N, C-alpha and C. Protein backbone atom coordinates (compact mmCIF):
# COMPACT_ATOMS: atom_id res chain seq x y z
N MET A 1 38.75 -8.82 50.42
CA MET A 1 39.25 -8.85 49.23
C MET A 1 38.30 -9.88 47.86
N LYS A 2 38.68 -10.75 48.73
CA LYS A 2 37.62 -11.67 48.02
C LYS A 2 35.33 -11.46 47.34
N TYR A 3 35.04 -10.62 48.44
CA TYR A 3 34.65 -10.05 48.76
C TYR A 3 33.78 -8.57 47.56
N ARG A 4 34.93 -8.32 47.40
CA ARG A 4 34.95 -7.23 46.61
C ARG A 4 35.29 -8.20 44.91
N LYS A 5 36.19 -9.40 45.08
CA LYS A 5 36.28 -9.81 43.50
C LYS A 5 34.58 -10.46 43.16
N ILE A 6 33.72 -11.21 44.43
CA ILE A 6 31.84 -11.10 43.88
C ILE A 6 32.03 -10.30 43.21
N VAL A 7 32.01 -9.57 43.63
CA VAL A 7 30.98 -8.32 43.17
C VAL A 7 31.06 -7.75 41.80
N THR A 8 32.98 -7.42 42.07
CA THR A 8 32.90 -7.17 40.81
C THR A 8 32.59 -8.51 39.34
N VAL A 9 33.05 -9.63 39.41
CA VAL A 9 32.48 -11.28 38.62
C VAL A 9 30.80 -10.62 38.61
N LEU A 10 30.19 -10.75 39.25
CA LEU A 10 28.78 -10.85 39.20
C LEU A 10 28.19 -9.35 38.40
N LEU A 11 28.88 -7.78 39.09
CA LEU A 11 28.08 -6.91 38.19
C LEU A 11 28.39 -6.77 36.06
N LEU A 12 30.65 -7.71 36.45
CA LEU A 12 30.56 -8.08 34.77
C LEU A 12 29.73 -9.35 34.25
N CYS A 13 28.92 -9.93 34.88
CA CYS A 13 28.41 -10.96 33.78
C CYS A 13 26.75 -10.59 34.65
N SER A 14 26.72 -8.78 34.81
CA SER A 14 25.38 -8.87 34.54
C SER A 14 25.18 -8.08 33.33
N ILE A 15 26.40 -6.87 33.32
CA ILE A 15 26.70 -5.75 32.22
C ILE A 15 26.50 -6.25 30.99
N LEU A 16 26.90 -7.43 30.76
CA LEU A 16 27.14 -9.02 29.74
C LEU A 16 25.72 -8.95 29.38
N ALA A 17 25.04 -9.76 30.41
CA ALA A 17 23.04 -10.33 29.95
C ALA A 17 23.11 -9.41 29.36
N LEU A 18 22.83 -8.47 29.88
CA LEU A 18 21.95 -7.04 29.27
C LEU A 18 22.77 -6.56 28.69
N SER A 19 23.60 -6.24 28.15
CA SER A 19 24.21 -6.54 26.64
C SER A 19 23.69 -6.91 25.80
N VAL A 20 24.11 -9.33 26.00
CA VAL A 20 23.18 -9.75 25.41
C VAL A 20 21.85 -9.76 24.73
N GLY A 21 21.04 -9.74 25.84
CA GLY A 21 19.81 -9.20 25.78
C GLY A 21 20.20 -8.37 24.97
N CYS A 22 19.94 -7.15 24.61
CA CYS A 22 19.16 -5.79 24.16
C CYS A 22 20.13 -6.57 22.89
N SER A 23 20.91 -6.84 22.76
CA SER A 23 21.58 -7.15 21.01
C SER A 23 20.73 -7.27 20.65
N ARG A 24 19.74 -9.13 21.38
CA ARG A 24 18.76 -9.84 20.22
C ARG A 24 17.49 -8.90 20.49
N GLN A 25 17.74 -8.15 21.68
CA GLN A 25 16.23 -7.45 20.65
C GLN A 25 15.97 -6.38 19.84
N VAL A 26 17.48 -5.87 19.57
CA VAL A 26 17.58 -5.05 18.61
C VAL A 26 18.08 -5.61 16.94
N ALA A 27 18.32 -7.00 17.76
CA ALA A 27 18.93 -7.53 16.31
C ALA A 27 17.52 -8.36 15.66
N ARG A 28 16.48 -8.96 16.89
CA ARG A 28 14.97 -9.07 16.48
C ARG A 28 14.32 -7.46 16.08
N ASP A 29 14.18 -6.45 16.30
CA ASP A 29 13.70 -5.08 15.13
C ASP A 29 14.86 -4.98 14.37
N GLU A 30 15.45 -4.49 13.79
CA GLU A 30 16.16 -4.73 12.98
C GLU A 30 15.90 -6.05 11.25
N MET A 31 15.30 -7.22 12.13
CA MET A 31 14.95 -8.05 11.22
C MET A 31 13.44 -7.49 10.97
N ARG A 32 12.80 -7.37 11.78
CA ARG A 32 12.11 -7.10 11.35
C ARG A 32 11.68 -5.47 10.39
N LEU A 33 12.22 -4.89 10.52
CA LEU A 33 12.23 -3.52 9.56
C LEU A 33 12.94 -4.58 8.26
N TYR A 34 13.34 -4.95 8.16
CA TYR A 34 14.38 -5.71 6.70
C TYR A 34 13.16 -6.11 5.88
N ASN A 35 12.60 -7.31 6.97
CA ASN A 35 11.93 -8.06 5.64
C ASN A 35 9.65 -7.56 5.78
N MET A 36 9.92 -6.42 6.56
CA MET A 36 8.98 -4.78 6.50
C MET A 36 7.97 -5.61 7.02
N ARG A 37 8.04 -6.56 8.28
CA ARG A 37 6.31 -7.07 9.48
C ARG A 37 6.79 -6.01 10.31
N ALA A 38 7.12 -5.23 10.91
CA ALA A 38 7.12 -3.38 10.92
C ALA A 38 5.61 -2.69 10.19
N TYR A 39 6.23 -2.34 9.24
CA TYR A 39 5.41 -1.56 8.13
C TYR A 39 4.63 -2.33 8.10
N GLU A 40 5.01 -3.45 7.87
CA GLU A 40 3.26 -3.80 7.29
C GLU A 40 2.16 -3.98 8.61
N GLU A 41 2.25 -4.62 9.55
CA GLU A 41 1.87 -4.20 11.14
C GLU A 41 0.94 -3.23 10.81
N GLY A 42 1.66 -2.17 10.99
CA GLY A 42 1.34 -1.18 11.73
C GLY A 42 0.02 -0.25 10.31
N SER A 43 0.73 -0.37 8.97
CA SER A 43 -0.23 -0.26 8.14
C SER A 43 -1.30 -0.28 8.29
N ARG A 44 -1.52 -2.10 8.42
CA ARG A 44 -2.83 -3.03 9.30
C ARG A 44 -2.97 -2.18 9.99
N GLU A 45 -2.86 -2.26 11.51
CA GLU A 45 -3.11 -1.97 12.09
C GLU A 45 -3.80 -0.24 11.74
N ALA A 46 -3.53 0.36 11.30
CA ALA A 46 -4.11 1.58 11.22
C ALA A 46 -5.00 1.82 10.10
N ARG A 47 -5.21 0.46 9.23
CA ARG A 47 -6.43 0.73 8.11
C ARG A 47 -7.56 0.44 9.34
N ILE A 48 -7.13 -0.73 9.62
CA ILE A 48 -8.44 -1.83 10.40
C ILE A 48 -8.99 -0.80 12.13
N SER A 49 -7.72 0.42 12.38
CA SER A 49 -8.37 1.07 13.18
C SER A 49 -9.24 2.11 13.18
N GLY A 50 -9.03 2.57 12.13
CA GLY A 50 -8.79 3.04 11.34
C GLY A 50 -8.79 5.47 11.44
N ARG A 51 -7.29 4.68 11.03
CA ARG A 51 -6.93 5.87 11.35
C ARG A 51 -5.36 6.71 10.13
N GLY A 52 -5.75 5.03 9.95
CA GLY A 52 -4.78 6.28 8.70
C GLY A 52 -5.68 6.66 7.54
N MET A 53 -5.70 7.51 6.65
CA MET A 53 -6.18 8.06 6.18
C MET A 53 -6.66 7.41 4.89
N ASN A 54 -6.22 6.59 4.50
CA ASN A 54 -7.71 5.74 3.50
C ASN A 54 -7.71 4.17 3.57
N GLY A 55 -7.44 4.38 4.46
CA GLY A 55 -8.67 3.52 5.22
C GLY A 55 -9.96 3.31 4.84
N LYS A 56 -10.57 4.32 4.79
CA LYS A 56 -12.20 4.31 4.87
C LYS A 56 -12.04 4.14 3.26
N PHE A 57 -11.67 5.03 2.06
CA PHE A 57 -11.63 4.45 1.02
C PHE A 57 -11.10 3.65 0.50
N LEU A 58 -10.05 2.34 0.82
CA LEU A 58 -10.10 0.85 0.52
C LEU A 58 -10.74 0.47 1.56
N GLU A 59 -11.11 0.79 2.38
CA GLU A 59 -12.90 -0.97 2.78
C GLU A 59 -13.61 0.04 1.28
N ASP A 60 -13.86 0.96 1.49
CA ASP A 60 -15.11 1.06 0.11
C ASP A 60 -15.06 0.86 -0.81
N LEU A 61 -13.56 0.67 -0.83
CA LEU A 61 -13.60 0.59 -2.42
C LEU A 61 -13.49 -1.06 -2.65
N GLN A 62 -12.97 -2.15 -2.29
CA GLN A 62 -13.42 -3.64 -1.60
C GLN A 62 -14.69 -3.70 -1.65
N ALA A 63 -15.46 -3.26 -1.18
CA ALA A 63 -16.34 -3.51 -1.15
C ALA A 63 -17.32 -3.25 -1.77
N SER A 64 -17.41 -1.61 -2.72
CA SER A 64 -18.24 -1.57 -4.35
C SER A 64 -18.19 -2.63 -5.31
N PHE A 65 -16.24 -3.28 -5.90
CA PHE A 65 -16.67 -3.52 -5.66
C PHE A 65 -16.13 -5.25 -6.27
N ASN A 66 -17.16 -6.15 -4.53
CA ASN A 66 -17.91 -7.34 -4.69
C ASN A 66 -19.02 -7.00 -4.61
N GLN A 67 -19.71 -6.11 -4.33
CA GLN A 67 -20.63 -6.18 -4.27
C GLN A 67 -21.35 -5.94 -5.91
N ALA A 68 -20.38 -5.27 -6.44
CA ALA A 68 -20.74 -5.26 -8.38
C ALA A 68 -20.19 -7.05 -8.87
N ASP A 69 -19.32 -8.51 -8.50
CA ASP A 69 -19.05 -9.29 -8.33
C ASP A 69 -17.65 -9.70 -8.79
N MET A 70 -16.94 -8.39 -8.45
CA MET A 70 -15.44 -8.44 -8.57
C MET A 70 -14.86 -8.46 -7.98
N PRO A 71 -14.17 -8.96 -6.90
CA PRO A 71 -13.74 -9.44 -5.69
C PRO A 71 -12.36 -8.52 -5.75
N LEU A 72 -11.90 -8.24 -5.19
CA LEU A 72 -9.96 -7.54 -5.62
C LEU A 72 -9.32 -8.42 -4.12
N THR A 73 -8.05 -8.40 -4.87
CA THR A 73 -7.23 -9.63 -4.24
C THR A 73 -6.15 -10.14 -4.49
N ASN A 74 -5.21 -10.44 -4.26
CA ASN A 74 -3.72 -10.47 -3.89
C ASN A 74 -3.29 -8.81 -4.15
N GLU A 75 -3.78 -8.01 -2.28
CA GLU A 75 -3.43 -6.86 -2.08
C GLU A 75 -1.19 -6.91 -2.19
N THR A 76 -1.22 -5.89 -3.11
CA THR A 76 0.24 -5.43 -2.54
C THR A 76 -0.12 -3.32 -2.72
N TYR A 77 1.28 -2.81 -1.51
CA TYR A 77 0.84 -1.40 -1.78
C TYR A 77 2.48 -0.73 -1.31
N VAL A 78 2.96 0.09 -2.06
CA VAL A 78 4.04 0.51 -1.92
C VAL A 78 4.59 2.08 -1.07
N GLU A 79 5.24 2.59 -0.75
CA GLU A 79 5.50 3.82 -0.62
C GLU A 79 6.61 4.44 -1.14
N ASP A 80 6.30 5.69 -1.70
CA ASP A 80 7.33 6.41 -2.00
C ASP A 80 8.49 6.67 -1.08
N ASN A 81 9.26 7.41 -0.87
CA ASN A 81 10.26 8.37 -0.59
C ASN A 81 9.82 9.86 0.29
N VAL A 82 9.02 9.47 -1.12
CA VAL A 82 8.00 11.71 -0.22
C VAL A 82 6.51 10.91 0.02
N GLY A 83 6.42 9.72 -0.19
CA GLY A 83 4.68 9.46 0.57
C GLY A 83 3.67 9.08 -0.65
N ASN A 84 4.56 8.99 -1.64
CA ASN A 84 2.73 8.51 -2.57
C ASN A 84 3.07 7.25 -2.11
N ILE A 85 1.51 6.37 -2.92
CA ILE A 85 1.45 5.35 -1.88
C ILE A 85 0.30 4.52 -3.62
N THR A 86 0.84 3.23 -4.11
CA THR A 86 0.32 2.40 -4.99
C THR A 86 -0.17 1.69 -3.88
N TYR A 87 -1.81 1.12 -4.27
CA TYR A 87 -2.18 0.06 -3.97
C TYR A 87 -2.60 -1.37 -5.14
N GLN A 88 -2.27 -2.21 -5.39
CA GLN A 88 -2.72 -3.24 -6.42
C GLN A 88 -3.53 -3.80 -5.89
N TYR A 89 -4.14 -4.59 -7.14
CA TYR A 89 -5.36 -5.24 -6.58
C TYR A 89 -5.24 -6.49 -7.74
N ARG A 90 -5.82 -8.20 -7.96
CA ARG A 90 -5.84 -8.26 -8.80
C ARG A 90 -8.04 -8.07 -8.27
N ILE A 91 -8.15 -8.82 -9.89
CA ILE A 91 -9.65 -8.70 -10.40
C ILE A 91 -9.65 -10.47 -9.71
N ASN A 92 -10.28 -10.73 -8.97
CA ASN A 92 -10.87 -12.54 -8.69
C ASN A 92 -9.57 -12.99 -8.99
N TYR A 93 -8.36 -12.92 -8.46
CA TYR A 93 -7.23 -13.05 -8.91
C TYR A 93 -6.57 -13.74 -9.67
N ASP A 94 -7.24 -12.77 -10.90
CA ASP A 94 -6.84 -13.25 -12.29
C ASP A 94 -5.95 -12.18 -12.28
N ALA A 95 -4.65 -12.93 -12.64
CA ALA A 95 -3.66 -11.86 -13.68
C ALA A 95 -3.40 -11.61 -14.07
N SER A 96 -4.42 -10.97 -15.25
CA SER A 96 -5.08 -9.88 -16.55
C SER A 96 -6.03 -9.07 -16.04
N GLN A 97 -5.91 -9.06 -14.98
CA GLN A 97 -7.03 -8.17 -14.57
C GLN A 97 -6.64 -7.14 -13.55
N PHE A 98 -5.89 -5.92 -12.75
CA PHE A 98 -6.22 -5.40 -11.96
C PHE A 98 -6.75 -3.83 -12.05
N ILE A 99 -6.16 -3.93 -10.76
CA ILE A 99 -6.67 -2.29 -10.32
C ILE A 99 -5.25 -2.14 -9.32
N THR A 100 -5.11 -0.21 -9.87
CA THR A 100 -4.32 0.01 -9.03
C THR A 100 -4.81 1.23 -8.49
N VAL A 101 -4.83 1.76 -7.08
CA VAL A 101 -4.95 2.80 -6.65
C VAL A 101 -3.56 3.46 -6.28
N TYR A 102 -3.98 4.72 -7.26
CA TYR A 102 -2.42 5.90 -6.56
C TYR A 102 -2.69 7.12 -5.87
N VAL A 103 -2.50 7.45 -4.88
CA VAL A 103 -2.13 8.13 -4.21
C VAL A 103 -1.87 9.17 -4.39
N TYR A 104 -1.66 9.88 -4.78
CA TYR A 104 -0.23 10.63 -4.87
C TYR A 104 -0.15 11.34 -4.05
N GLN A 105 0.83 13.35 -3.45
CA GLN A 105 0.61 14.46 -2.74
C GLN A 105 0.13 15.18 -3.41
N ASN A 106 -0.20 15.20 -3.63
CA ASN A 106 -1.09 16.56 -4.93
C ASN A 106 -1.03 16.38 -6.13
N GLN A 107 -2.38 17.20 -6.87
CA GLN A 107 -3.37 16.79 -7.70
C GLN A 107 -1.77 16.43 -9.28
N ALA A 108 -0.80 18.00 -9.21
CA ALA A 108 0.42 17.91 -9.98
C ALA A 108 1.07 16.87 -9.84
N ALA A 109 1.45 16.07 -9.31
CA ALA A 109 2.83 15.19 -9.28
C ALA A 109 1.83 14.15 -9.68
N ARG A 110 0.72 13.43 -9.09
CA ARG A 110 0.14 12.79 -9.70
C ARG A 110 -0.32 12.72 -11.03
N GLU A 111 -0.77 13.83 -12.30
CA GLU A 111 -0.75 14.22 -13.41
C GLU A 111 1.10 13.76 -13.66
N LYS A 112 1.55 14.10 -13.79
CA LYS A 112 3.17 13.92 -13.90
C LYS A 112 3.46 12.67 -13.41
N GLY A 113 3.27 12.07 -12.44
CA GLY A 113 3.44 10.10 -12.31
C GLY A 113 2.76 9.25 -13.38
N LEU A 114 1.08 9.78 -13.35
CA LEU A 114 0.88 9.22 -14.58
C LEU A 114 0.95 9.02 -15.69
N LYS A 115 1.84 10.77 -15.85
CA LYS A 115 2.53 10.44 -17.78
C LYS A 115 3.52 9.72 -18.05
N GLU A 116 4.53 9.60 -17.08
CA GLU A 116 5.75 9.10 -16.84
C GLU A 116 5.10 7.55 -17.48
N ILE A 117 4.32 7.00 -16.58
CA ILE A 117 3.97 5.63 -16.36
C ILE A 117 2.76 5.45 -17.60
N TYR A 118 1.71 5.85 -18.09
CA TYR A 118 0.57 5.13 -19.19
C TYR A 118 1.23 6.74 -20.06
N GLY A 119 1.77 7.08 -20.10
CA GLY A 119 1.57 8.67 -21.51
C GLY A 119 0.76 9.74 -21.00
N VAL A 120 -0.45 9.29 -20.03
CA VAL A 120 -1.65 10.04 -20.31
C VAL A 120 -2.53 10.32 -18.78
N ALA A 121 -3.05 11.17 -18.50
CA ALA A 121 -2.68 11.36 -17.43
C ALA A 121 -4.77 11.02 -16.56
N GLU A 122 -5.02 10.60 -17.73
CA GLU A 122 -6.73 10.20 -17.98
C GLU A 122 -7.58 9.74 -18.42
N GLY A 123 -8.06 9.18 -18.92
CA GLY A 123 -9.39 8.44 -20.11
C GLY A 123 -7.88 6.48 -20.19
N ASP A 124 -8.62 6.52 -20.84
CA ASP A 124 -7.83 5.44 -21.99
C ASP A 124 -6.66 5.23 -22.41
N ALA A 125 -5.67 4.19 -21.71
CA ALA A 125 -4.31 4.81 -22.89
C ALA A 125 -3.23 2.63 -22.75
N ASN A 126 -3.39 3.04 -23.73
CA ASN A 126 -2.53 0.66 -24.57
C ASN A 126 -1.29 2.03 -23.79
N ALA A 127 -0.80 0.83 -22.87
CA ALA A 127 1.03 1.78 -21.71
C ALA A 127 0.97 -0.53 -20.95
N ALA A 128 2.06 0.50 -21.14
CA ALA A 128 2.36 -0.96 -19.66
C ALA A 128 2.03 -2.36 -19.61
N GLY A 129 1.86 -2.72 -20.87
CA GLY A 129 1.45 -4.53 -21.13
C GLY A 129 0.37 -4.27 -21.94
N GLY A 130 -1.15 -3.58 -21.32
CA GLY A 130 -2.37 -3.60 -21.18
C GLY A 130 -3.08 -2.57 -21.46
N HIS A 131 -4.19 -2.65 -22.05
CA HIS A 131 -4.90 -1.42 -21.52
C HIS A 131 -5.34 -0.60 -20.26
N ASN A 132 -5.04 -0.03 -20.13
CA ASN A 132 -5.82 0.59 -19.14
C ASN A 132 -6.97 1.80 -19.16
N LEU A 133 -7.26 1.30 -17.91
CA LEU A 133 -8.68 2.61 -17.74
C LEU A 133 -7.91 3.84 -16.68
N ILE A 134 -8.07 5.18 -16.82
CA ILE A 134 -7.75 6.19 -15.95
C ILE A 134 -8.35 6.90 -15.32
N ILE A 135 -9.35 6.58 -14.61
CA ILE A 135 -9.71 7.49 -13.04
C ILE A 135 -9.65 8.05 -11.88
N SER A 136 -9.22 9.58 -12.42
CA SER A 136 -8.47 10.91 -10.90
C SER A 136 -9.63 11.60 -10.99
N ASP A 137 -9.13 11.31 -9.65
CA ASP A 137 -10.37 13.26 -8.99
C ASP A 137 -8.65 13.88 -7.76
N LYS A 138 -8.48 14.79 -8.18
CA LYS A 138 -7.60 14.89 -6.77
C LYS A 138 -6.05 15.04 -7.36
N GLU A 139 -6.15 14.25 -6.48
CA GLU A 139 -4.71 13.62 -5.96
C GLU A 139 -4.04 11.94 -6.45
N THR A 140 -5.12 11.24 -6.49
CA THR A 140 -5.71 10.07 -6.66
C THR A 140 -6.23 9.67 -7.56
N SER A 141 -6.20 8.35 -8.02
CA SER A 141 -6.19 7.57 -9.10
C SER A 141 -6.46 6.74 -9.40
N ILE A 142 -7.38 5.34 -9.73
CA ILE A 142 -7.66 4.33 -9.80
C ILE A 142 -7.85 3.93 -11.66
N VAL A 143 -6.91 2.92 -11.68
CA VAL A 143 -6.66 2.46 -12.60
C VAL A 143 -6.93 0.53 -12.91
N TYR A 144 -8.18 0.92 -14.51
CA TYR A 144 -7.97 -0.51 -14.01
C TYR A 144 -7.44 -1.11 -15.15
N THR A 145 -6.63 -2.33 -15.40
CA THR A 145 -5.70 -3.43 -16.28
C THR A 145 -6.55 -3.81 -16.83
N SER A 146 -5.97 -4.37 -18.26
CA SER A 146 -6.36 -5.31 -19.02
C SER A 146 -5.50 -5.74 -19.94
N THR A 147 -5.36 -7.52 -19.50
CA THR A 147 -4.43 -7.06 -20.37
C THR A 147 -5.21 -8.74 -21.48
N GLY A 148 -4.12 -9.42 -22.45
CA GLY A 148 -4.94 -10.89 -22.85
C GLY A 148 -5.95 -10.94 -23.70
N ASP A 149 -5.99 -12.50 -23.63
CA ASP A 149 -7.66 -12.69 -24.32
C ASP A 149 -8.36 -11.53 -23.67
N LYS A 150 -8.53 -11.16 -22.12
CA LYS A 150 -9.80 -11.13 -21.05
C LYS A 150 -9.62 -9.38 -21.42
N THR A 151 -9.31 -9.03 -21.98
CA THR A 151 -8.66 -7.26 -22.30
C THR A 151 -10.27 -6.39 -22.76
N ASP A 152 -10.46 -5.59 -21.10
CA ASP A 152 -11.90 -5.09 -20.89
C ASP A 152 -12.95 -5.56 -20.10
N ASN A 153 -12.54 -6.77 -19.80
CA ASN A 153 -13.55 -7.74 -19.21
C ASN A 153 -14.27 -6.41 -18.00
N TYR A 154 -14.04 -5.53 -17.60
CA TYR A 154 -15.07 -5.08 -16.35
C TYR A 154 -14.67 -3.94 -16.88
N TYR A 155 -14.10 -2.97 -17.92
CA TYR A 155 -14.22 -1.69 -18.13
C TYR A 155 -15.75 -1.10 -17.46
N ASP A 156 -16.73 -1.02 -18.03
CA ASP A 156 -17.88 -1.08 -18.39
C ASP A 156 -17.87 -1.06 -16.52
N GLN A 157 -18.02 -1.50 -15.78
CA GLN A 157 -18.10 -2.18 -13.86
C GLN A 157 -17.03 -0.99 -13.90
N VAL A 158 -16.14 -0.80 -14.20
CA VAL A 158 -15.66 0.32 -13.06
C VAL A 158 -15.44 1.03 -14.10
N LYS A 159 -15.71 1.08 -14.40
CA LYS A 159 -16.64 3.56 -15.12
C LYS A 159 -16.90 3.83 -14.56
N LYS A 160 -18.03 2.57 -13.64
CA LYS A 160 -19.40 3.12 -13.22
C LYS A 160 -18.71 3.35 -11.29
N ILE A 161 -18.39 2.45 -11.08
CA ILE A 161 -18.30 2.19 -9.89
C ILE A 161 -16.43 3.75 -9.42
N ALA A 162 -15.88 3.52 -10.29
CA ALA A 162 -14.86 4.04 -9.73
C ALA A 162 -14.49 6.17 -9.26
N PRO A 163 -15.75 6.55 -10.44
CA PRO A 163 -15.90 8.51 -10.45
C PRO A 163 -16.55 7.73 -8.73
N SER A 164 -17.80 7.97 -8.54
CA SER A 164 -18.26 7.84 -7.29
C SER A 164 -17.69 7.49 -5.72
N LEU A 165 -16.27 6.86 -5.74
CA LEU A 165 -15.22 6.06 -5.37
C LEU A 165 -14.09 7.50 -4.66
N LEU A 166 -13.87 8.16 -6.50
CA LEU A 166 -13.78 9.05 -5.62
C LEU A 166 -14.07 10.74 -5.50
N ALA A 167 -15.51 10.24 -6.01
CA ALA A 167 -16.23 11.51 -5.45
C ALA A 167 -17.25 11.28 -3.75
N LYS A 168 -16.80 10.49 -3.44
CA LYS A 168 -17.16 10.54 -2.05
C LYS A 168 -15.66 10.37 -0.92
N HIS A 169 -15.34 10.46 -1.45
CA HIS A 169 -13.34 10.33 -0.36
C HIS A 169 -13.19 11.33 -1.01
N GLN A 170 -13.40 12.87 -0.23
CA GLN A 170 -11.80 14.20 -0.82
C GLN A 170 -10.95 13.94 -0.80
N ARG A 171 -9.87 13.33 0.36
CA ARG A 171 -9.04 13.58 1.20
C ARG A 171 -8.22 12.10 1.11
N ARG A 172 -7.58 11.73 0.12
CA ARG A 172 -6.72 10.86 0.83
C ARG A 172 -5.63 10.49 0.58
N ALA A 173 -4.11 11.82 0.95
CA ALA A 173 -3.15 11.54 1.05
C ALA A 173 -2.88 11.85 2.25
N SER A 174 -1.26 10.68 1.98
CA SER A 174 -1.12 10.56 3.67
C SER A 174 -0.25 11.75 4.75
N SER A 175 -0.38 13.33 4.30
CA SER A 175 0.50 14.12 4.65
C SER A 175 -0.82 15.61 4.85
């Protein structure tokens, strides 16, 4: 009888310990999801290992701008619920000079999305608080935005770099 009680107590303690351990792991995994850490780790790993379709394009983008003495800094990115991705950079840490890369699922979605944001799908636009140069190819656009006193500081350089990058990398969408 005593043996049975001891086994029952040990079994209950084991189950309790396992459930607490599992709960802690689940809580850690959920926390990683809420703070985007898991997403960022996966995206960074895909870019580093070359598995992401945009990885090589983004590396070449940064290298091209660095060569033109326009380092891209403060990278941010977001993916919407249908897989369109936006990457944004400051040029040389300057909050008035931006490069934004939009990667849509297809050209029609890109044109619609850019018209909603800038009023045009290609070329020059004065919208979203500054002057914008939009250069596109298929589903992807590179947008140079400049604001304030430094409007168009890098206009000519971006106009030269962007078309060759887009032509070099034909397919960038994530699907």
